[in-house]
Amino acid sequence: MHHPTRGPSAVFGDRANDIRRRKSVYLTAVACLAAIIIQLIMEPPANAVSWTLIAIEFALTCAMPFAPMPACLAMFTLHVLCEVAPVPLIWAPFAVFPLIGYIAYASRRIWWPVLAVVVAALSDVASNVINGTDHAVLWGLSWIMPFGMTALLCRLIRVYADARLKEASLAFEEQRRQDRLERIEHNQRLATTIHDSVTRELSAVAMLAWKWEHDAQVGDDVRAAMNTIRLEAQSALNHVHDVIDLMSDIGSDRPDNTSSNAPRLQDIIHAEDGAAAALGYNGVSLIRGDDSALSEHPHYPIISALVKELYANIIRHAQPGEDAYALVVKITPDAVTISQTNRTETARGSTGPLTGVRHGRGLQSHAKAIERIGGTVRSSMEDGQWYFHATIPLSPAAQYSTVANNDRPTAYNATE
């Protein structure tokens, strides 16, 4: 059976209802306690039975914050039994008013407070008959008026509170819609800015590279380099358009990256190695384990994105032709571990090809994503050599193990 998802407005309403219910319970308990104290002052109990009744009423009053309706009904039943008892007893009879008020306020159906009013009035009739009071029925039924007014007043307060709550829920939902509309408009402005700036520059790079690639006067080395530049620029353009579609709420119908259409991890590493080699970077990569089913795992987007970010960091911080890199991926049924190291430009000073380009926080964002799913990330810099190690759990047991053993803080290097 399908259960509809409860929205934020429903949660807001539940919390408001809970606060309102607690207030009504506390007010009822205070009123009952006041009735007990007034009774003790006006007519103290004369025997052990009456003292026991007062003690029971006090205990039920104290229990109201923990079990409101059961305590209220138990105390109301005690009042009715004391009214029809054939022997004179002393208890707190005026506590019946807050009890009826709470039943009227908290009950979902209207017939519960009506029944409480009728039962309370009939118990007074029975008490008058037992005690031989003149006009017993008339005097007993006369209590219907104050009991009924109490129930009606509390019920009207409930209706007014429900109307206020509904109004607040509608205002909350309207504010959420307004915030979402403003967020969409903001994203659309960002998407337009990105499209008009970054895409134009990347398109210019791709077009210039294509022109040099097809120039008959250039050598094969230049032509191969221009081909690499063009492919990288086109790939960057595609990624930028993916971001634009996402910000514009256009890409929501595209298939998930965890589907069978996602490239295998070894294909991603092979492509990244090829791109790095074309730029003059020397390195080795190794996959230990079977990655054939890895792309179907829900954590695969995090794994593949981390691998791409590591290669991007190599290009940003290593010197082509001088600094070597190594990447090792170990795949087990429980987890994927990724270890990567490379020399950086800090070993010889800031003389790399991307010197002066501002770097973001891509690796830190990936590390936070890994930690959110129970993984661990370690990194360090020693004498210009960058070391990185990450463990991404694939099973609940591995996730619990990594969380339990994660007693060291995650370390990041600001330059990576």
Protein backbone atom coordinates (compact mmCIF):
# COMPACT_ATOMS: atom_id res chain seq x y z
CA MET A 1 0.00 0.00 0.00
CA HIS A 2 1.35 3.39 -0.94
CA HIS A 3 1.62 5.97 1.81
CA PRO A 4 1.87 9.58 0.64
CA THR A 5 4.92 11.49 1.77
CA ARG A 6 4.26 13.97 4.54
CA GLY A 7 5.40 17.43 3.57
CA PRO A 8 7.06 20.08 5.74
CA SER A 9 3.70 21.76 6.37
CA ALA A 10 2.36 18.51 7.87
CA VAL A 11 5.41 18.24 10.11
CA PHE A 12 4.94 21.88 11.09
CA GLY A 13 1.31 21.13 11.96
CA ASP A 14 2.25 18.09 14.03
CA ARG A 15 4.76 20.08 16.07
CA ALA A 16 2.28 22.90 16.63
CA ASN A 17 -0.40 20.38 17.66
CA ASP A 18 2.01 18.78 20.11
CA ILE A 19 2.86 22.12 21.72
CA ARG A 20 -0.81 23.06 21.93
CA ARG A 21 -1.74 19.69 23.44
CA ARG A 22 0.94 19.99 26.11
CA LYS A 23 -0.28 23.45 27.10
CA SER A 24 -3.86 22.20 27.48
CA VAL A 25 -2.67 19.24 29.59
CA TYR A 26 -0.67 21.49 31.92
CA LEU A 27 -3.59 23.90 32.32
CA THR A 28 -5.94 21.02 33.13
CA ALA A 29 -3.52 19.60 35.69
CA VAL A 30 -3.07 22.99 37.35
CA ALA A 31 -6.86 23.51 37.51
CA CYS A 32 -7.40 20.05 39.05
CA LEU A 33 -4.63 20.69 41.56
CA ALA A 34 -6.26 24.02 42.49
CA ALA A 35 -9.61 22.24 42.98
CA ILE A 36 -7.96 19.71 45.30
CA ILE A 37 -6.26 22.42 47.37
CA ILE A 38 -9.49 24.44 47.64
CA GLN A 39 -11.33 21.32 48.83
CA LEU A 40 -8.68 20.64 51.47
CA ILE A 41 -8.99 24.21 52.74
CA MET A 42 -12.80 24.38 52.71
CA GLU A 43 -13.57 20.87 54.02
CA PRO A 44 -10.64 18.67 55.03
CA PRO A 45 -11.21 14.88 54.82
CA ALA A 46 -12.64 13.37 58.00
CA ASN A 47 -11.70 9.72 57.47
CA ALA A 48 -9.12 7.49 55.84
CA VAL A 49 -11.31 6.75 52.82
CA SER A 50 -11.65 10.44 51.96
CA TRP A 51 -7.91 10.97 52.43
CA THR A 52 -7.32 8.05 50.07
CA LEU A 53 -9.63 9.60 47.46
CA ILE A 54 -7.78 12.92 47.71
CA ALA A 55 -4.45 11.11 47.35
CA ILE A 56 -5.69 9.21 44.29
CA GLU A 57 -6.89 12.45 42.69
CA PHE A 58 -3.54 14.07 43.40
CA ALA A 59 -1.68 11.11 41.85
CA LEU A 60 -3.89 11.17 38.74
CA THR A 61 -3.33 14.92 38.43
CA CYS A 62 0.44 14.40 38.53
CA ALA A 63 0.10 11.67 35.88
CA MET A 64 -1.72 13.91 33.40
CA PRO A 65 1.42 15.29 31.68
CA PHE A 66 2.55 11.72 30.97
CA ALA A 67 -0.80 10.07 30.08
CA PRO A 68 -3.29 12.92 29.59
CA MET A 69 -6.46 11.22 28.40
CA PRO A 70 -6.20 8.00 30.50
CA ALA A 71 -5.52 10.02 33.66
CA CYS A 72 -8.35 12.42 32.82
CA LEU A 73 -10.86 9.61 32.19
CA ALA A 74 -9.77 7.77 35.35
CA MET A 75 -10.25 10.90 37.45
CA PHE A 76 -13.63 11.57 35.81
CA THR A 77 -14.72 7.99 36.56
CA LEU A 78 -13.62 8.42 40.18
CA HIS A 79 -15.76 11.57 40.41
CA VAL A 80 -18.84 9.71 39.12
CA LEU A 81 -18.31 6.83 41.56
CA CYS A 82 -17.94 9.22 44.49
CA GLU A 83 -21.15 11.01 43.47
CA VAL A 84 -23.24 7.82 43.47
CA ALA A 85 -21.59 6.30 46.56
CA PRO A 86 -24.17 5.47 49.29
CA VAL A 87 -21.91 6.86 52.04
CA PRO A 88 -20.76 10.48 52.46
CA LEU A 89 -17.29 11.05 51.03
CA ILE A 90 -15.01 14.03 50.62
CA TRP A 91 -13.14 14.56 47.35
CA ALA A 92 -12.56 17.43 44.91
CA PRO A 93 -15.90 17.65 43.05
CA PHE A 94 -15.05 20.91 41.25
CA ALA A 95 -12.22 19.15 39.42
CA VAL A 96 -14.90 17.77 37.11
CA PHE A 97 -15.03 21.12 35.30
CA PRO A 98 -11.42 21.11 33.98
CA LEU A 99 -11.82 17.39 33.26
CA ILE A 100 -14.87 18.00 31.06
CA GLY A 101 -13.06 20.94 29.48
CA TYR A 102 -10.06 18.82 28.55
CA ILE A 103 -12.25 16.04 27.14
CA ALA A 104 -14.05 18.62 24.98
CA TYR A 105 -10.77 20.20 23.85
CA ALA A 106 -8.77 17.05 23.13
CA SER A 107 -11.46 14.74 21.70
CA ARG A 108 -11.70 14.34 17.94
CA ARG A 109 -15.42 13.54 18.05
CA ILE A 110 -18.03 15.84 19.56
CA TRP A 111 -20.04 13.07 21.20
CA TRP A 112 -17.29 12.39 23.78
CA PRO A 113 -17.74 15.75 25.59
CA VAL A 114 -21.54 15.45 25.19
CA LEU A 115 -21.41 12.03 26.86
CA ALA A 116 -19.20 13.42 29.64
CA VAL A 117 -21.69 16.25 30.33
CA VAL A 118 -24.65 13.85 30.42
CA VAL A 119 -22.87 11.33 32.68
CA ALA A 120 -21.74 14.07 35.08
CA ALA A 121 -25.29 15.48 35.29
CA LEU A 122 -26.87 12.04 35.78
CA SER A 123 -24.38 11.26 38.55
CA ASP A 124 -25.56 14.41 40.34
CA VAL A 125 -29.16 13.28 39.87
CA ALA A 126 -28.30 9.88 41.37
CA SER A 127 -26.48 11.54 44.27
CA ASN A 128 -29.49 13.74 45.05
CA VAL A 129 -31.84 10.77 44.88
CA ILE A 130 -29.63 8.71 47.20
CA ASN A 131 -29.36 11.57 49.69
CA GLY A 132 -33.13 12.27 49.54
CA THR A 133 -32.77 15.82 48.26
CA ASP A 134 -35.98 17.64 47.33
CA HIS A 135 -36.45 18.00 43.59
CA ALA A 136 -33.49 15.67 43.11
CA VAL A 137 -33.91 15.28 39.36
CA LEU A 138 -34.38 19.00 38.74
CA TRP A 139 -31.37 19.98 40.82
CA GLY A 140 -29.26 17.28 39.24
CA LEU A 141 -30.17 18.19 35.67
CA SER A 142 -29.49 21.84 36.40
CA TRP A 143 -25.79 20.99 36.32
CA ILE A 144 -26.11 20.35 32.58
CA MET A 145 -25.91 24.09 32.01
CA PRO A 146 -22.49 24.78 33.68
CA PHE A 147 -21.07 21.48 32.46
CA GLY A 148 -22.29 22.17 28.93
CA MET A 149 -21.00 25.74 28.94
CA THR A 150 -17.57 24.49 30.04
CA ALA A 151 -17.49 21.90 27.27
CA LEU A 152 -18.75 24.39 24.67
CA LEU A 153 -16.19 27.03 25.64
CA CYS A 154 -13.28 24.59 25.47
CA ARG A 155 -14.55 23.18 22.18
CA LEU A 156 -14.73 26.68 20.69
CA ILE A 157 -11.17 27.30 21.84
CA ARG A 158 -10.17 24.09 20.03
CA VAL A 159 -11.92 25.20 16.83
CA TYR A 160 -10.25 28.61 17.00
CA ALA A 161 -6.85 27.00 17.62
CA ASP A 162 -7.36 24.65 14.65
CA ALA A 163 -8.21 27.60 12.42
CA ARG A 164 -5.10 29.48 13.57
CA LEU A 165 -2.98 26.40 13.00
CA LYS A 166 -4.36 25.91 9.51
CA GLU A 167 -3.70 29.55 8.72
CA ALA A 168 -0.12 29.24 10.00
CA SER A 169 0.41 26.05 7.98
CA LEU A 170 -0.84 27.72 4.81
CA ALA A 171 1.42 30.71 5.45
CA PHE A 172 4.36 28.36 6.03
CA GLU A 173 3.67 26.50 2.79
CA GLU A 174 3.29 29.76 0.89
CA GLN A 175 6.62 30.98 2.26
CA ARG A 176 8.25 27.72 1.14
CA ARG A 177 6.84 28.16 -2.37
CA GLN A 178 8.07 31.74 -2.44
CA ASP A 179 11.55 30.70 -1.27
CA ARG A 180 11.68 27.97 -3.90
CA LEU A 181 10.62 30.42 -6.61
CA GLU A 182 13.34 32.86 -5.54
CA ARG A 183 15.88 30.04 -5.51
CA ILE A 184 14.87 28.96 -9.02
CA GLU A 185 15.13 32.54 -10.27
CA HIS A 186 18.55 32.88 -8.64
CA ASN A 187 19.73 29.63 -10.23
CA GLN A 188 18.45 30.75 -13.60
CA ARG A 189 20.42 33.99 -13.31
CA LEU A 190 23.52 31.99 -12.40
CA ALA A 191 22.92 29.62 -15.30
CA THR A 192 22.63 32.56 -17.69
CA THR A 193 25.84 34.10 -16.36
CA ILE A 194 27.73 30.82 -16.70
CA HIS A 195 26.37 30.26 -20.17
CA ASP A 196 27.29 33.75 -21.36
CA SER A 197 30.82 33.68 -19.93
CA VAL A 198 32.35 30.25 -19.39
CA THR A 199 30.73 28.54 -22.38
CA ARG A 200 31.83 31.33 -24.71
CA GLU A 201 35.44 31.06 -23.58
CA LEU A 202 35.48 27.27 -23.75
CA SER A 203 33.90 27.38 -27.19
CA ALA A 204 36.62 29.78 -28.33
CA VAL A 205 39.31 27.41 -27.02
CA ALA A 206 37.71 24.45 -28.81
CA MET A 207 37.38 26.37 -32.08
CA LEU A 208 40.99 27.62 -32.00
CA ALA A 209 42.23 24.12 -31.22
CA TRP A 210 40.16 22.70 -34.08
CA LYS A 211 41.62 25.32 -36.44
CA TRP A 212 45.21 24.42 -35.51
CA GLU A 213 44.37 20.71 -35.62
CA HIS A 214 43.29 21.00 -39.26
CA ASP A 215 46.08 23.36 -40.32
CA ALA A 216 48.25 21.53 -42.86
CA GLN A 217 51.30 23.64 -42.00
CA VAL A 218 51.64 22.42 -38.38
CA GLY A 219 53.46 19.28 -37.35
CA ASP A 220 51.99 16.06 -36.04
CA ASP A 221 52.94 16.85 -32.43
CA VAL A 222 51.09 20.16 -32.54
CA ARG A 223 48.13 18.55 -34.27
CA ALA A 224 47.93 15.84 -31.58
CA ALA A 225 48.17 18.45 -28.84
CA MET A 226 45.41 20.53 -30.44
CA ASN A 227 43.23 17.43 -30.68
CA THR A 228 43.66 16.84 -26.95
CA ILE A 229 42.87 20.47 -26.16
CA ARG A 230 39.75 20.38 -28.33
CA LEU A 231 38.46 17.18 -26.70
CA GLU A 232 39.11 18.55 -23.21
CA ALA A 233 37.35 21.82 -24.05
CA GLN A 234 34.37 19.92 -25.48
CA SER A 235 34.21 17.73 -22.38
CA ALA A 236 34.31 20.83 -20.17
CA LEU A 237 31.53 22.38 -22.25
CA ASN A 238 29.37 19.30 -21.78
CA HIS A 239 29.94 19.39 -18.02
CA VAL A 240 29.12 23.09 -17.87
CA HIS A 241 25.88 22.47 -19.76
CA ASP A 242 25.05 19.67 -17.33
CA VAL A 243 25.45 22.15 -14.48
CA ILE A 244 23.32 24.72 -16.30
CA ASP A 245 20.58 22.14 -16.89
CA LEU A 246 20.68 21.12 -13.24
CA MET A 247 20.44 24.72 -12.03
CA SER A 248 17.58 25.37 -14.44
CA ASP A 249 15.64 22.28 -13.27
CA ILE A 250 15.89 20.86 -16.78
CA GLY A 251 17.95 17.77 -16.11
CA SER A 252 15.66 16.09 -13.58
CA ASP A 253 14.43 13.48 -16.08
CA ARG A 254 17.87 12.25 -17.07
CA PRO A 255 18.91 8.76 -15.98
CA ASP A 256 20.76 8.29 -12.72
CA ASN A 257 24.52 7.85 -12.79
CA THR A 258 24.11 4.60 -10.93
CA SER A 259 22.39 2.99 -13.92
CA SER A 260 24.01 0.55 -16.30
CA ASN A 261 24.79 3.47 -18.67
CA ALA A 262 27.50 4.78 -16.33
CA PRO A 263 31.05 4.03 -17.57
CA ARG A 264 33.05 1.45 -15.66
CA LEU A 265 35.72 2.67 -13.29
CA GLN A 266 38.52 1.13 -15.36
CA ASP A 267 37.25 3.00 -18.43
CA ILE A 268 37.29 6.28 -16.51
CA ILE A 269 40.83 5.66 -15.25
CA HIS A 270 41.99 4.64 -18.73
CA ALA A 271 40.53 7.83 -20.24
CA GLU A 272 42.05 10.01 -17.50
CA ASP A 273 45.44 8.33 -17.95
CA GLY A 274 45.25 9.01 -21.67
CA ALA A 275 44.35 12.65 -21.14
CA ALA A 276 47.18 13.08 -18.61
CA ALA A 277 49.68 11.39 -20.93
CA ALA A 278 48.65 13.66 -23.80
CA LEU A 279 49.50 16.63 -21.58
CA GLY A 280 52.93 15.18 -20.77
CA TYR A 281 52.23 13.63 -17.37
CA ASN A 282 53.87 10.32 -16.48
CA GLY A 283 52.15 7.94 -14.11
CA VAL A 284 50.81 4.49 -13.40
CA SER A 285 47.37 3.32 -12.32
CA LEU A 286 46.22 -0.04 -11.04
CA ILE A 287 42.83 -1.57 -10.23
CA ARG A 288 42.76 -4.58 -7.94
CA GLY A 289 39.42 -6.35 -7.90
CA ASP A 290 36.37 -6.67 -10.12
CA ASP A 291 34.65 -3.42 -11.07
CA SER A 292 32.06 -4.95 -13.41
CA ALA A 293 29.16 -4.44 -10.96
CA LEU A 294 30.54 -1.40 -9.17
CA SER A 295 28.71 1.09 -11.41
CA GLU A 296 25.38 -0.28 -10.12
CA HIS A 297 26.18 0.61 -6.50
CA PRO A 298 24.56 3.75 -5.02
CA HIS A 299 27.99 5.01 -3.90
CA TYR A 300 29.52 4.72 -7.37
CA PRO A 301 28.93 8.40 -8.31
CA ILE A 302 31.00 9.41 -5.27
CA ILE A 303 33.78 7.00 -6.25
CA SER A 304 33.95 8.03 -9.91
CA ALA A 305 33.76 11.74 -9.05
CA LEU A 306 36.63 11.34 -6.57
CA VAL A 307 38.82 9.62 -9.18
CA LYS A 308 38.20 12.43 -11.67
CA GLU A 309 39.00 15.03 -9.02
CA LEU A 310 42.28 13.29 -8.16
CA TYR A 311 43.35 13.40 -11.82
CA ALA A 312 42.31 17.05 -11.98
CA ASN A 313 44.51 17.75 -8.95
CA ILE A 314 47.45 16.03 -10.64
CA ILE A 315 47.09 18.34 -13.63
CA ARG A 316 46.71 21.40 -11.41
CA HIS A 317 49.66 20.78 -9.09
CA ALA A 318 52.19 18.59 -10.91
CA GLN A 319 54.67 19.62 -13.60
CA PRO A 320 54.26 17.83 -16.97
CA GLY A 321 57.30 15.74 -17.84
CA GLU A 322 58.86 16.13 -14.39
CA ASP A 323 56.42 14.94 -11.72
CA ALA A 324 55.15 11.35 -11.74
CA TYR A 325 51.92 10.13 -10.19
CA ALA A 326 50.50 6.80 -9.01
CA LEU A 327 46.90 5.70 -8.44
CA VAL A 328 45.85 2.38 -6.90
CA VAL A 329 42.21 1.30 -6.51
CA LYS A 330 41.35 -1.78 -4.48
CA ILE A 331 37.82 -3.17 -4.80
CA THR A 332 36.36 -5.65 -2.31
CA PRO A 333 32.76 -6.66 -1.59
CA ASP A 334 32.77 -4.39 1.47
CA ALA A 335 34.66 -1.28 0.39
CA VAL A 336 36.68 0.57 -2.23
CA THR A 337 40.04 2.03 -1.21
CA ILE A 338 41.77 4.64 -3.35
CA SER A 339 45.40 5.61 -2.82
CA GLN A 340 47.10 8.31 -4.86
CA THR A 341 50.42 10.16 -4.71
CA ASN A 342 52.32 12.63 -6.86
CA ARG A 343 55.02 15.28 -6.72
CA THR A 344 53.75 18.84 -6.60
CA GLU A 345 54.97 22.23 -7.72
CA THR A 346 55.62 23.16 -4.07
CA ALA A 347 58.70 20.93 -4.19
CA ARG A 348 60.47 23.44 -6.47
CA GLY A 349 58.38 26.59 -6.05
CA SER A 350 55.28 27.83 -7.83
CA THR A 351 56.36 27.36 -11.43
CA GLY A 352 53.62 25.07 -12.77
CA PRO A 353 51.51 25.72 -15.87
CA LEU A 354 48.52 26.73 -13.73
CA THR A 355 50.44 29.02 -11.40
CA GLY A 356 48.29 32.00 -10.50
CA VAL A 357 44.99 30.22 -11.14
CA ARG A 358 42.72 30.26 -8.10
CA HIS A 359 41.94 26.77 -6.81
CA GLY A 360 38.64 25.73 -5.27
CA ARG A 361 37.66 23.24 -2.60
CA GLY A 362 36.78 20.29 -4.80
CA LEU A 363 38.70 17.67 -2.85
CA GLN A 364 37.30 18.88 0.46
CA SER A 365 33.76 18.62 -0.92
CA HIS A 366 34.42 15.05 -2.06
CA ALA A 367 35.89 14.19 1.33
CA LYS A 368 32.80 15.48 3.11
CA ALA A 369 30.58 13.43 0.80
CA ILE A 370 32.61 10.31 1.62
CA GLU A 371 32.42 10.95 5.35
CA ARG A 372 28.64 11.41 5.16
CA ILE A 373 28.28 7.80 3.97
CA GLY A 374 30.63 6.47 6.65
CA GLY A 375 33.92 6.55 4.73
CA THR A 376 37.31 7.92 5.73
CA VAL A 377 39.78 10.25 4.03
CA ARG A 378 43.45 10.81 4.85
CA SER A 379 45.90 13.15 3.15
CA SER A 380 49.32 14.63 3.84
CA MET A 381 52.18 16.53 2.23
CA GLU A 382 55.80 15.52 2.90
CA ASP A 383 58.73 17.23 1.17
CA GLY A 384 56.63 18.15 -1.84
CA GLN A 385 55.10 14.66 -2.17
CA TRP A 386 51.32 14.48 -1.92
CA TYR A 387 49.71 11.39 -0.34
CA PHE A 388 45.99 10.64 -0.41
CA HIS A 389 43.99 7.66 0.83
CA ALA A 390 40.21 7.18 0.93
CA THR A 391 37.94 4.31 1.94
CA ILE A 392 34.38 4.25 0.59
CA PRO A 393 32.13 1.59 2.18
CA LEU A 394 29.97 -0.61 -0.04
CA SER A 395 28.19 -2.59 2.69
CA PRO A 396 26.52 -1.60 5.99
CA ALA A 397 29.11 -3.63 7.93
CA ALA A 398 31.98 -1.74 6.30
CA GLN A 399 30.21 1.56 6.89
CA TYR A 400 29.81 0.79 10.61
CA SER A 401 33.44 -0.31 10.83
CA THR A 402 34.80 2.84 9.22
CA VAL A 403 32.66 5.05 11.44
CA ALA A 404 33.73 3.18 14.58
CA ASN A 405 37.42 3.39 13.67
CA ASN A 406 37.35 6.97 12.46
CA ASP A 407 39.06 8.47 15.49
CA ARG A 408 41.47 10.67 13.55
CA PRO A 409 40.40 14.00 12.06
CA THR A 410 40.40 14.30 8.30
CA ALA A 411 43.46 16.16 7.04
CA TYR A 412 43.54 18.26 3.88
CA ASN A 413 46.26 20.22 2.20
CA ALA A 414 45.20 23.67 1.18
CA THR A 415 47.02 23.45 -2.14
CA GLU A 416 45.32 20.27 -3.32
